[in-house]
Amino acid sequence: FDVQEQLLTSALQKCYQDRPRGGCTDLSKLSIVPGKHCWILYVDIILLAMDGSALDVCSLGATAALVTTAIPSVKLIRGTDGEEELELGGEEGEESWCLDAATLPVIVSTWMVGVP
């Protein structure tokens, strides 16, 4: 499994990481205070079997996890002494948000059957 796990991990990282020319999702939305604080998302995938197309299934699982993760809204509060404090939760109805699924990759493997 070790080599296959490394190949799957590498392929998924290439698909989901932000790239200079239009990555899969707008990672600037994860910024709380630019240059200081941001949300970091990790997706751990455990495969129980390597039957079928593991990359397709891992991709669907990662996408499902990312779009259903509720990311709390955060407000920056500056104290009178100039100290910054982060407070979870926003205005009513804005307590959390999710990533946009429209920009996340969908990986599909194809195979031709019966072709010599």
N, C-alpha and C. Protein backbone atom coordinates (compact mmCIF):
# COMPACT_ATOMS: atom_id res chain seq x y z
N PHE A 1 0.81 -1.21 0.00
CA PHE A 1 0.00 0.00 0.00
C PHE A 1 0.85 1.27 0.00
N ASP A 2 2.05 1.24 0.49
CA ASP A 2 2.83 2.46 0.68
C ASP A 2 3.02 3.26 -0.60
N VAL A 3 3.41 2.62 -1.68
CA VAL A 3 3.63 3.33 -2.95
C VAL A 3 2.30 3.84 -3.49
N GLN A 4 1.25 3.03 -3.41
CA GLN A 4 -0.06 3.46 -3.88
C GLN A 4 -0.59 4.62 -3.05
N GLU A 5 -0.38 4.58 -1.75
CA GLU A 5 -0.81 5.68 -0.88
C GLU A 5 -0.10 6.98 -1.24
N GLN A 6 1.20 6.90 -1.51
CA GLN A 6 1.96 8.09 -1.88
C GLN A 6 1.48 8.65 -3.21
N LEU A 7 1.18 7.77 -4.17
CA LEU A 7 0.68 8.23 -5.47
C LEU A 7 -0.69 8.89 -5.33
N LEU A 8 -1.58 8.30 -4.53
CA LEU A 8 -2.90 8.89 -4.30
C LEU A 8 -2.78 10.25 -3.61
N THR A 9 -1.94 10.31 -2.59
CA THR A 9 -1.75 11.56 -1.86
C THR A 9 -1.22 12.65 -2.79
N SER A 10 -0.24 12.31 -3.59
CA SER A 10 0.35 13.28 -4.52
C SER A 10 -0.69 13.76 -5.54
N ALA A 11 -1.46 12.84 -6.09
CA ALA A 11 -2.48 13.21 -7.09
C ALA A 11 -3.55 14.11 -6.48
N LEU A 12 -4.01 13.79 -5.27
CA LEU A 12 -5.04 14.60 -4.62
C LEU A 12 -4.51 15.98 -4.24
N GLN A 13 -3.26 16.05 -3.78
CA GLN A 13 -2.69 17.36 -3.45
C GLN A 13 -2.61 18.24 -4.69
N LYS A 14 -2.24 17.67 -5.82
CA LYS A 14 -2.17 18.45 -7.06
C LYS A 14 -3.54 18.96 -7.47
N CYS A 15 -4.56 18.16 -7.22
CA CYS A 15 -5.92 18.56 -7.62
C CYS A 15 -6.53 19.62 -6.71
N TYR A 16 -6.26 19.53 -5.41
CA TYR A 16 -6.95 20.39 -4.45
C TYR A 16 -6.18 21.62 -4.01
N GLN A 17 -4.87 21.63 -4.17
CA GLN A 17 -4.11 22.79 -3.71
C GLN A 17 -4.35 23.98 -4.63
N ASP A 18 -4.28 25.17 -4.03
CA ASP A 18 -4.42 26.41 -4.78
C ASP A 18 -3.22 26.56 -5.71
N ARG A 19 -3.49 26.96 -6.93
CA ARG A 19 -2.41 27.16 -7.90
C ARG A 19 -2.41 28.60 -8.36
N PRO A 20 -1.24 29.10 -8.79
CA PRO A 20 -1.15 30.51 -9.20
C PRO A 20 -2.12 30.88 -10.31
N ARG A 21 -2.39 29.97 -11.22
CA ARG A 21 -3.29 30.28 -12.34
C ARG A 21 -4.66 29.64 -12.15
N GLY A 22 -5.34 30.02 -11.11
CA GLY A 22 -6.69 29.53 -10.90
C GLY A 22 -6.73 28.14 -10.30
N GLY A 23 -6.52 28.07 -9.01
CA GLY A 23 -6.56 26.79 -8.32
C GLY A 23 -7.98 26.28 -8.22
N CYS A 24 -8.14 25.21 -7.46
CA CYS A 24 -9.46 24.59 -7.39
C CYS A 24 -10.43 25.37 -6.53
N THR A 25 -9.95 26.14 -5.61
CA THR A 25 -10.86 26.93 -4.78
C THR A 25 -10.15 28.21 -4.34
N ASP A 26 -10.93 29.19 -3.99
CA ASP A 26 -10.38 30.48 -3.57
C ASP A 26 -9.95 30.39 -2.11
N LEU A 27 -8.65 30.18 -1.90
CA LEU A 27 -8.15 30.02 -0.55
C LEU A 27 -8.11 31.33 0.24
N SER A 28 -8.30 32.46 -0.44
CA SER A 28 -8.31 33.73 0.28
C SER A 28 -9.51 33.81 1.23
N LYS A 29 -10.54 33.02 0.96
CA LYS A 29 -11.70 32.99 1.86
C LYS A 29 -11.36 32.41 3.22
N LEU A 30 -10.27 31.64 3.29
CA LEU A 30 -9.85 31.04 4.56
C LEU A 30 -9.04 32.01 5.41
N SER A 31 -8.75 33.18 4.86
CA SER A 31 -7.97 34.17 5.59
C SER A 31 -8.87 34.89 6.60
N ILE A 32 -8.38 35.01 7.82
CA ILE A 32 -9.11 35.74 8.86
C ILE A 32 -8.54 37.14 8.95
N VAL A 33 -7.24 37.23 9.20
CA VAL A 33 -6.50 38.49 9.17
C VAL A 33 -5.34 38.26 8.21
N PRO A 34 -5.37 38.89 7.02
CA PRO A 34 -4.34 38.62 6.02
C PRO A 34 -2.92 38.75 6.58
N GLY A 35 -2.14 37.71 6.36
CA GLY A 35 -0.76 37.70 6.83
C GLY A 35 -0.58 37.28 8.28
N LYS A 36 -1.69 37.10 9.02
CA LYS A 36 -1.59 36.75 10.43
C LYS A 36 -2.33 35.47 10.80
N HIS A 37 -3.61 35.43 10.46
CA HIS A 37 -4.46 34.32 10.89
C HIS A 37 -5.25 33.78 9.71
N CYS A 38 -5.35 32.45 9.63
CA CYS A 38 -6.19 31.84 8.60
C CYS A 38 -6.63 30.45 9.07
N TRP A 39 -7.69 29.97 8.47
CA TRP A 39 -8.13 28.60 8.71
C TRP A 39 -7.26 27.67 7.88
N ILE A 40 -6.92 26.53 8.46
CA ILE A 40 -6.18 25.49 7.73
C ILE A 40 -7.07 24.25 7.74
N LEU A 41 -7.33 23.72 6.56
CA LEU A 41 -8.18 22.53 6.45
C LEU A 41 -7.34 21.31 6.10
N TYR A 42 -7.56 20.24 6.79
CA TYR A 42 -6.92 18.97 6.50
C TYR A 42 -8.01 17.95 6.19
N VAL A 43 -7.76 17.08 5.24
CA VAL A 43 -8.68 15.98 4.95
C VAL A 43 -7.88 14.69 5.09
N ASP A 44 -8.29 13.86 6.03
CA ASP A 44 -7.66 12.55 6.21
C ASP A 44 -8.56 11.51 5.57
N ILE A 45 -7.98 10.67 4.75
CA ILE A 45 -8.74 9.63 4.05
C ILE A 45 -8.17 8.28 4.45
N ILE A 46 -9.05 7.39 4.86
CA ILE A 46 -8.64 6.03 5.21
C ILE A 46 -9.33 5.08 4.23
N LEU A 47 -8.53 4.34 3.50
CA LEU A 47 -9.06 3.35 2.56
C LEU A 47 -9.10 2.00 3.23
N LEU A 48 -10.26 1.35 3.18
CA LEU A 48 -10.37 0.01 3.74
C LEU A 48 -10.02 -1.05 2.71
N ALA A 49 -10.13 -0.72 1.44
CA ALA A 49 -9.78 -1.64 0.36
C ALA A 49 -9.36 -0.82 -0.85
N MET A 50 -8.53 -1.40 -1.70
CA MET A 50 -8.06 -0.70 -2.90
C MET A 50 -8.73 -1.26 -4.15
N ASP A 51 -9.98 -1.67 -4.04
CA ASP A 51 -10.71 -2.20 -5.19
C ASP A 51 -11.29 -1.04 -6.00
N GLY A 52 -11.32 -1.19 -7.31
CA GLY A 52 -11.89 -0.14 -8.16
C GLY A 52 -10.94 1.03 -8.29
N SER A 53 -11.49 2.19 -8.53
CA SER A 53 -10.68 3.39 -8.71
C SER A 53 -10.61 4.17 -7.41
N ALA A 54 -9.53 3.95 -6.68
CA ALA A 54 -9.37 4.60 -5.38
C ALA A 54 -9.29 6.12 -5.52
N LEU A 55 -8.68 6.62 -6.58
CA LEU A 55 -8.56 8.06 -6.77
C LEU A 55 -9.92 8.72 -6.91
N ASP A 56 -10.82 8.10 -7.67
CA ASP A 56 -12.17 8.65 -7.84
C ASP A 56 -12.90 8.73 -6.50
N VAL A 57 -12.84 7.65 -5.74
CA VAL A 57 -13.54 7.58 -4.47
C VAL A 57 -12.94 8.57 -3.46
N CYS A 58 -11.62 8.67 -3.43
CA CYS A 58 -10.96 9.62 -2.53
C CYS A 58 -11.34 11.05 -2.89
N SER A 59 -11.41 11.34 -4.18
CA SER A 59 -11.79 12.67 -4.64
C SER A 59 -13.21 13.01 -4.21
N LEU A 60 -14.14 12.08 -4.40
CA LEU A 60 -15.53 12.32 -3.99
C LEU A 60 -15.63 12.50 -2.48
N GLY A 61 -14.89 11.68 -1.73
CA GLY A 61 -14.92 11.81 -0.28
C GLY A 61 -14.33 13.13 0.20
N ALA A 62 -13.22 13.55 -0.41
CA ALA A 62 -12.59 14.82 -0.03
C ALA A 62 -13.51 16.00 -0.36
N THR A 63 -14.11 15.96 -1.54
CA THR A 63 -15.03 17.04 -1.93
C THR A 63 -16.23 17.09 -0.99
N ALA A 64 -16.81 15.93 -0.67
CA ALA A 64 -17.94 15.89 0.26
C ALA A 64 -17.54 16.44 1.63
N ALA A 65 -16.36 16.09 2.10
CA ALA A 65 -15.90 16.59 3.40
C ALA A 65 -15.71 18.10 3.38
N LEU A 66 -15.12 18.61 2.29
CA LEU A 66 -14.84 20.05 2.23
C LEU A 66 -16.11 20.89 2.12
N VAL A 67 -17.09 20.44 1.35
CA VAL A 67 -18.29 21.27 1.17
C VAL A 67 -19.27 21.15 2.32
N THR A 68 -19.11 20.16 3.18
CA THR A 68 -20.01 20.04 4.32
C THR A 68 -19.37 20.52 5.62
N THR A 69 -18.12 20.93 5.55
CA THR A 69 -17.45 21.45 6.75
C THR A 69 -17.92 22.87 7.01
N ALA A 70 -18.50 23.09 8.17
CA ALA A 70 -18.96 24.43 8.54
C ALA A 70 -17.78 25.19 9.15
N ILE A 71 -17.38 26.26 8.48
CA ILE A 71 -16.26 27.08 8.94
C ILE A 71 -16.84 28.29 9.67
N PRO A 72 -16.54 28.42 10.96
CA PRO A 72 -17.13 29.51 11.73
C PRO A 72 -16.69 30.89 11.23
N SER A 73 -17.61 31.81 11.22
CA SER A 73 -17.26 33.20 10.92
C SER A 73 -16.47 33.75 12.10
N VAL A 74 -15.53 34.63 11.81
CA VAL A 74 -14.67 35.19 12.85
C VAL A 74 -14.65 36.70 12.71
N LYS A 75 -14.73 37.37 13.85
CA LYS A 75 -14.61 38.82 13.87
C LYS A 75 -13.35 39.20 14.60
N LEU A 76 -12.67 40.22 14.11
CA LEU A 76 -11.49 40.75 14.77
C LEU A 76 -11.93 41.92 15.65
N ILE A 77 -11.61 41.82 16.92
CA ILE A 77 -11.97 42.88 17.87
C ILE A 77 -10.69 43.49 18.40
N ARG A 78 -10.57 44.80 18.26
CA ARG A 78 -9.40 45.51 18.75
C ARG A 78 -9.75 46.14 20.10
N GLY A 79 -8.91 45.82 21.08
CA GLY A 79 -9.11 46.37 22.42
C GLY A 79 -8.60 47.80 22.50
N THR A 80 -8.89 48.45 23.60
CA THR A 80 -8.45 49.84 23.79
C THR A 80 -6.93 49.93 23.91
N ASP A 81 -6.31 48.82 24.33
CA ASP A 81 -4.85 48.82 24.45
C ASP A 81 -4.17 48.42 23.14
N GLY A 82 -4.94 48.29 22.06
CA GLY A 82 -4.38 47.95 20.76
C GLY A 82 -4.23 46.46 20.52
N GLU A 83 -4.58 45.67 21.52
CA GLU A 83 -4.47 44.22 21.38
C GLU A 83 -5.63 43.68 20.55
N GLU A 84 -5.32 42.71 19.68
CA GLU A 84 -6.33 42.12 18.81
C GLU A 84 -6.83 40.82 19.40
N GLU A 85 -8.13 40.60 19.28
CA GLU A 85 -8.72 39.37 19.77
C GLU A 85 -9.68 38.85 18.70
N LEU A 86 -9.68 37.55 18.50
CA LEU A 86 -10.58 36.93 17.53
C LEU A 86 -11.79 36.38 18.26
N GLU A 87 -12.97 36.65 17.69
CA GLU A 87 -14.21 36.17 18.29
C GLU A 87 -14.96 35.32 17.27
N LEU A 88 -15.30 34.09 17.66
CA LEU A 88 -16.04 33.21 16.76
C LEU A 88 -17.49 33.64 16.67
N GLY A 89 -18.06 33.46 15.49
CA GLY A 89 -19.46 33.79 15.27
C GLY A 89 -19.61 35.17 14.70
N GLY A 90 -20.51 35.30 13.79
CA GLY A 90 -20.75 36.60 13.16
C GLY A 90 -22.13 37.10 13.50
N GLU A 91 -22.69 37.83 12.58
CA GLU A 91 -24.04 38.35 12.74
C GLU A 91 -25.04 37.20 12.70
N GLU A 92 -26.26 37.45 13.08
CA GLU A 92 -27.30 36.42 13.06
C GLU A 92 -27.42 35.84 11.65
N GLY A 93 -27.34 34.53 11.54
CA GLY A 93 -27.42 33.87 10.24
C GLY A 93 -26.08 33.73 9.55
N GLU A 94 -25.03 34.30 10.11
CA GLU A 94 -23.70 34.22 9.51
C GLU A 94 -22.72 33.53 10.45
N GLU A 95 -23.21 32.57 11.23
CA GLU A 95 -22.35 31.91 12.20
C GLU A 95 -21.28 31.05 11.53
N SER A 96 -21.60 30.52 10.34
CA SER A 96 -20.63 29.67 9.64
C SER A 96 -20.88 29.72 8.14
N TRP A 97 -19.92 29.21 7.39
CA TRP A 97 -20.03 29.17 5.94
C TRP A 97 -19.30 27.92 5.45
N CYS A 98 -19.53 27.55 4.19
CA CYS A 98 -18.89 26.37 3.58
C CYS A 98 -18.19 26.78 2.29
N LEU A 99 -17.23 25.98 1.88
CA LEU A 99 -16.55 26.23 0.61
C LEU A 99 -17.50 26.02 -0.56
N ASP A 100 -17.24 26.70 -1.65
CA ASP A 100 -18.05 26.58 -2.85
C ASP A 100 -17.67 25.31 -3.59
N ALA A 101 -18.64 24.42 -3.78
CA ALA A 101 -18.37 23.14 -4.45
C ALA A 101 -18.16 23.28 -5.95
N ALA A 102 -18.58 24.40 -6.52
CA ALA A 102 -18.51 24.57 -7.97
C ALA A 102 -17.07 24.58 -8.48
N THR A 103 -16.13 24.94 -7.65
CA THR A 103 -14.75 25.04 -8.10
C THR A 103 -13.89 23.85 -7.70
N LEU A 104 -14.47 22.91 -6.96
CA LEU A 104 -13.70 21.73 -6.53
C LEU A 104 -13.65 20.70 -7.65
N PRO A 105 -12.56 19.96 -7.74
CA PRO A 105 -12.40 19.01 -8.85
C PRO A 105 -13.30 17.78 -8.70
N VAL A 106 -13.65 17.21 -9.85
CA VAL A 106 -14.33 15.92 -9.90
C VAL A 106 -13.44 15.02 -10.73
N ILE A 107 -12.95 13.97 -10.14
CA ILE A 107 -12.04 13.06 -10.82
C ILE A 107 -12.84 11.84 -11.27
N VAL A 108 -12.74 11.52 -12.55
CA VAL A 108 -13.46 10.39 -13.11
C VAL A 108 -12.49 9.56 -13.94
N SER A 109 -12.43 8.28 -13.67
CA SER A 109 -11.59 7.37 -14.46
C SER A 109 -12.46 6.67 -15.50
N THR A 110 -11.92 6.48 -16.65
CA THR A 110 -12.64 5.75 -17.70
C THR A 110 -11.84 4.55 -18.14
N TRP A 111 -12.52 3.56 -18.65
CA TRP A 111 -11.87 2.33 -19.09
C TRP A 111 -12.68 1.77 -20.24
N MET A 112 -12.00 1.40 -21.30
CA MET A 112 -12.68 0.82 -22.46
C MET A 112 -12.67 -0.70 -22.31
N VAL A 113 -13.85 -1.29 -22.41
CA VAL A 113 -13.99 -2.72 -22.26
C VAL A 113 -14.21 -3.34 -23.62
N GLY A 114 -13.52 -4.42 -23.89
CA GLY A 114 -13.71 -5.16 -25.12
C GLY A 114 -12.98 -4.62 -26.33
N VAL A 115 -12.06 -3.71 -26.14
CA VAL A 115 -11.29 -3.15 -27.25
C VAL A 115 -9.93 -3.86 -27.28
N PRO A 116 -9.58 -4.46 -28.44
CA PRO A 116 -8.31 -5.19 -28.49
C PRO A 116 -7.08 -4.30 -28.37
